[in-house]
Amino acid sequence: MLQKPTTDKMIFGVCRGISESFGIPPLILRAIFLVTAPISIFVYILLIGFILKK
């Protein structure tokens, strides 16, 4: 289950939560979000509301 961390996050914790769930380093996931910026910004905003806090 995806969960946002309450600590050790940069903005809202979406990338950190996804990285913890799938075992991907958060830096790599953040880089992917930056490279695919237009669509990933939209997805990031959606995930802020859908991912639960720990």
C-alpha atoms as a PDB file:
ATOM      1  CA  MET A   1       0.000   0.000   0.000  1.00  0.00           C
ATOM      2  CA  LEU A   2       1.298   3.457  -0.864  1.00  0.00           C
ATOM      3  CA  GLN A   3       1.860   5.713   2.123  1.00  0.00           C
ATOM      4  CA  LYS A   4       3.350   9.205   2.390  1.00  0.00           C
ATOM      5  CA  PRO A   5       6.011   9.605   5.073  1.00  0.00           C
ATOM      6  CA  THR A   6       5.522  12.251   7.746  1.00  0.00           C
ATOM      7  CA  THR A   7       9.299  12.852   7.949  1.00  0.00           C
ATOM      8  CA  ASP A   8      12.213  12.712   5.482  1.00  0.00           C
ATOM      9  CA  LYS A   9      10.288  14.214   2.570  1.00  0.00           C
ATOM     10  CA  MET A  10      11.063  17.084   0.217  1.00  0.00           C
ATOM     11  CA  ILE A  11       7.643  18.565  -0.581  1.00  0.00           C
ATOM     12  CA  PHE A  12       4.597  16.350   0.042  1.00  0.00           C
ATOM     13  CA  GLY A  13       6.327  12.969   0.264  1.00  0.00           C
ATOM     14  CA  VAL A  14       4.798  11.432  -2.857  1.00  0.00           C
ATOM     15  CA  CYS A  15       8.109  10.367  -4.438  1.00  0.00           C
ATOM     16  CA  ARG A  16       9.412   9.082  -1.101  1.00  0.00           C
ATOM     17  CA  GLY A  17       6.219   7.060  -0.553  1.00  0.00           C
ATOM     18  CA  ILE A  18       6.381   5.509  -4.017  1.00  0.00           C
ATOM     19  CA  SER A  19      10.093   4.766  -3.652  1.00  0.00           C
ATOM     20  CA  GLU A  20       9.572   3.026  -0.300  1.00  0.00           C
ATOM     21  CA  SER A  21       6.707   0.941  -1.687  1.00  0.00           C
ATOM     22  CA  PHE A  22       8.608  -0.254  -4.762  1.00  0.00           C
ATOM     23  CA  GLY A  23      12.188  -0.282  -3.421  1.00  0.00           C
ATOM     24  CA  ILE A  24      13.399   2.380  -5.861  1.00  0.00           C
ATOM     25  CA  PRO A  25      15.876   5.027  -4.651  1.00  0.00           C
ATOM     26  CA  PRO A  26      13.939   8.309  -4.244  1.00  0.00           C
ATOM     27  CA  LEU A  27      16.570  10.272  -6.189  1.00  0.00           C
ATOM     28  CA  ILE A  28      15.982   8.135  -9.290  1.00  0.00           C
ATOM     29  CA  LEU A  29      12.223   8.514  -8.981  1.00  0.00           C
ATOM     30  CA  ARG A  30      12.546  12.302  -8.586  1.00  0.00           C
ATOM     31  CA  ALA A  31      14.753  12.413 -11.705  1.00  0.00           C
ATOM     32  CA  ILE A  32      12.100  10.502 -13.668  1.00  0.00           C
ATOM     33  CA  PHE A  33       9.470  12.979 -12.474  1.00  0.00           C
ATOM     34  CA  LEU A  34      11.639  15.898 -13.647  1.00  0.00           C
ATOM     35  CA  VAL A  35      12.326  14.397 -17.086  1.00  0.00           C
ATOM     36  CA  THR A  36       8.631  13.719 -17.653  1.00  0.00           C
ATOM     37  CA  ALA A  37       7.604  17.027 -16.049  1.00  0.00           C
ATOM     38  CA  PRO A  38       4.322  17.941 -17.795  1.00  0.00           C
ATOM     39  CA  ILE A  39       2.522  14.675 -17.141  1.00  0.00           C
ATOM     40  CA  SER A  40       4.272  13.938 -13.854  1.00  0.00           C
ATOM     41  CA  ILE A  41       3.202  17.277 -12.334  1.00  0.00           C
ATOM     42  CA  PHE A  42      -0.421  16.365 -13.041  1.00  0.00           C
ATOM     43  CA  VAL A  43       0.047  12.841 -11.638  1.00  0.00           C
ATOM     44  CA  TYR A  44       1.901  14.216  -8.582  1.00  0.00           C
ATOM     45  CA  ILE A  45      -0.998  16.552  -7.753  1.00  0.00           C
ATOM     46  CA  LEU A  46      -3.451  13.655  -8.048  1.00  0.00           C
ATOM     47  CA  LEU A  47      -1.311  11.439  -5.812  1.00  0.00           C
ATOM     48  CA  ILE A  48      -1.101  14.091  -3.068  1.00  0.00           C
ATOM     49  CA  GLY A  49      -4.763  13.461  -2.372  1.00  0.00           C
ATOM     50  CA  PHE A  50      -4.798   9.698  -2.877  1.00  0.00           C
ATOM     51  CA  ILE A  51      -1.738   8.440  -0.989  1.00  0.00           C
ATOM     52  CA  LEU A  52      -2.394   7.963   2.713  1.00  0.00           C
ATOM     53  CA  LYS A  53      -0.132   9.296   5.459  1.00  0.00           C
ATOM     54  CA  LYS A  54       1.733   6.771   7.607  1.00  0.00           C
END
